[in-house]
Amino acid sequence: MIGYVTLGTNDLARAAKFYDELLAEIGATDEGPSGPRGDGGFYAGYFRDLD
């Protein structure tokens, strides 16, 4: 199953801290840095949760 959740913020440092803590809490692994994906301004990150 593929799902997307979108959240907006102007405080990228605070958002990075939030997501780092969230991924650590659920035991997920980072699968590469966040960044632009494809054309059209889509910006995303990817992580793997083995559950």
N, C-alpha and C. Protein backbone atom coordinates (compact mmCIF):
# COMPACT_ATOMS: atom_id res chain seq x y z
N MET A 1 0.83 -1.17 0.00
CA MET A 1 0.00 0.00 0.00
C MET A 1 0.88 1.24 0.00
N ILE A 2 0.56 2.17 -0.82
CA ILE A 2 1.28 3.44 -0.87
C ILE A 2 0.35 4.52 -0.36
N GLY A 3 0.84 5.33 0.54
CA GLY A 3 0.04 6.43 1.07
C GLY A 3 0.88 7.69 1.17
N TYR A 4 0.22 8.80 1.08
CA TYR A 4 0.90 10.08 1.18
C TYR A 4 0.24 10.91 2.27
N VAL A 5 1.05 11.62 3.01
CA VAL A 5 0.58 12.61 3.97
C VAL A 5 1.34 13.89 3.66
N THR A 6 0.64 14.99 3.57
CA THR A 6 1.31 16.25 3.31
C THR A 6 1.08 17.21 4.46
N LEU A 7 2.14 17.87 4.84
CA LEU A 7 2.09 18.89 5.89
C LEU A 7 2.90 20.07 5.40
N GLY A 8 2.49 21.26 5.76
CA GLY A 8 3.23 22.45 5.34
C GLY A 8 3.85 23.17 6.53
N THR A 9 4.99 23.80 6.28
CA THR A 9 5.66 24.58 7.32
C THR A 9 6.60 25.58 6.67
N ASN A 10 6.89 26.62 7.39
CA ASN A 10 7.91 27.58 6.97
C ASN A 10 9.18 27.43 7.80
N ASP A 11 9.15 26.57 8.81
CA ASP A 11 10.29 26.36 9.71
C ASP A 11 10.91 24.99 9.41
N LEU A 12 11.79 24.95 8.42
CA LEU A 12 12.35 23.67 7.98
C LEU A 12 13.23 23.01 9.04
N ALA A 13 13.94 23.78 9.83
CA ALA A 13 14.77 23.19 10.88
C ALA A 13 13.90 22.48 11.92
N ARG A 14 12.80 23.11 12.29
CA ARG A 14 11.89 22.50 13.27
C ARG A 14 11.23 21.25 12.67
N ALA A 15 10.87 21.31 11.39
CA ALA A 15 10.26 20.16 10.73
C ALA A 15 11.25 19.00 10.66
N ALA A 16 12.51 19.27 10.35
CA ALA A 16 13.52 18.21 10.28
C ALA A 16 13.69 17.54 11.63
N LYS A 17 13.72 18.32 12.70
CA LYS A 17 13.83 17.76 14.05
C LYS A 17 12.62 16.87 14.36
N PHE A 18 11.43 17.35 14.03
CA PHE A 18 10.21 16.59 14.25
C PHE A 18 10.26 15.24 13.53
N TYR A 19 10.61 15.25 12.25
CA TYR A 19 10.63 14.01 11.48
C TYR A 19 11.75 13.07 11.91
N ASP A 20 12.90 13.61 12.28
CA ASP A 20 13.98 12.76 12.79
C ASP A 20 13.51 12.01 14.03
N GLU A 21 12.85 12.72 14.94
CA GLU A 21 12.35 12.08 16.17
C GLU A 21 11.23 11.09 15.85
N LEU A 22 10.36 11.44 14.93
CA LEU A 22 9.26 10.55 14.56
C LEU A 22 9.77 9.25 13.95
N LEU A 23 10.70 9.33 13.01
CA LEU A 23 11.23 8.13 12.38
C LEU A 23 11.96 7.25 13.40
N ALA A 24 12.68 7.86 14.33
CA ALA A 24 13.36 7.09 15.37
C ALA A 24 12.34 6.38 16.27
N GLU A 25 11.26 7.04 16.58
CA GLU A 25 10.22 6.47 17.47
C GLU A 25 9.56 5.25 16.85
N ILE A 26 9.29 5.28 15.56
CA ILE A 26 8.59 4.16 14.92
C ILE A 26 9.55 3.11 14.35
N GLY A 27 10.85 3.35 14.48
CA GLY A 27 11.83 2.38 14.02
C GLY A 27 12.01 2.35 12.52
N ALA A 28 11.65 3.42 11.86
CA ALA A 28 11.78 3.49 10.41
C ALA A 28 13.20 3.90 10.03
N THR A 29 13.59 3.59 8.81
CA THR A 29 14.91 4.00 8.33
C THR A 29 14.76 4.99 7.19
N ASP A 30 15.65 5.96 7.17
CA ASP A 30 15.68 6.98 6.13
C ASP A 30 16.23 6.35 4.86
N GLU A 31 15.55 6.54 3.75
CA GLU A 31 15.99 5.95 2.48
C GLU A 31 16.57 7.00 1.55
N GLY A 32 17.15 8.04 2.11
CA GLY A 32 17.76 9.08 1.30
C GLY A 32 17.22 10.45 1.69
N PRO A 33 17.93 11.48 1.30
CA PRO A 33 17.53 12.83 1.69
C PRO A 33 16.24 13.28 1.00
N SER A 34 15.53 14.16 1.67
CA SER A 34 14.36 14.79 1.06
C SER A 34 14.83 15.68 -0.09
N GLY A 35 13.95 15.90 -1.04
CA GLY A 35 14.30 16.78 -2.14
C GLY A 35 13.25 16.77 -3.22
N PRO A 36 13.50 17.53 -4.27
CA PRO A 36 12.56 17.59 -5.38
C PRO A 36 12.40 16.23 -6.04
N ARG A 37 11.19 15.89 -6.41
CA ARG A 37 10.90 14.63 -7.10
C ARG A 37 10.16 14.95 -8.40
N GLY A 38 10.71 14.48 -9.50
CA GLY A 38 10.05 14.67 -10.79
C GLY A 38 9.94 16.14 -11.17
N ASP A 39 9.02 16.43 -12.05
CA ASP A 39 8.77 17.79 -12.51
C ASP A 39 7.54 18.35 -11.80
N GLY A 40 7.44 19.63 -11.72
CA GLY A 40 6.23 20.23 -11.18
C GLY A 40 6.30 20.66 -9.73
N GLY A 41 7.49 20.65 -9.13
CA GLY A 41 7.63 21.18 -7.78
C GLY A 41 7.25 20.25 -6.65
N PHE A 42 7.17 18.95 -6.90
CA PHE A 42 6.86 17.99 -5.84
C PHE A 42 8.11 17.74 -5.02
N TYR A 43 8.05 17.97 -3.73
CA TYR A 43 9.19 17.82 -2.82
C TYR A 43 8.82 16.76 -1.79
N ALA A 44 9.66 15.75 -1.63
CA ALA A 44 9.28 14.65 -0.75
C ALA A 44 10.49 13.96 -0.15
N GLY A 45 10.23 13.17 0.85
CA GLY A 45 11.21 12.28 1.45
C GLY A 45 10.64 10.86 1.44
N TYR A 46 11.48 9.89 1.66
CA TYR A 46 11.04 8.49 1.63
C TYR A 46 11.67 7.77 2.80
N PHE A 47 10.87 6.99 3.49
CA PHE A 47 11.41 6.16 4.55
C PHE A 47 10.77 4.77 4.47
N ARG A 48 11.45 3.82 5.09
CA ARG A 48 10.97 2.43 5.07
C ARG A 48 10.64 2.01 6.52
N ASP A 49 9.42 1.55 6.69
CA ASP A 49 8.97 1.01 7.97
C ASP A 49 8.70 -0.47 7.75
N LEU A 50 9.48 -1.33 8.36
CA LEU A 50 9.39 -2.77 8.09
C LEU A 50 8.11 -3.40 8.60
N ASP A 51 7.35 -2.70 9.43
CA ASP A 51 6.07 -3.23 9.87
C ASP A 51 5.07 -3.06 8.75
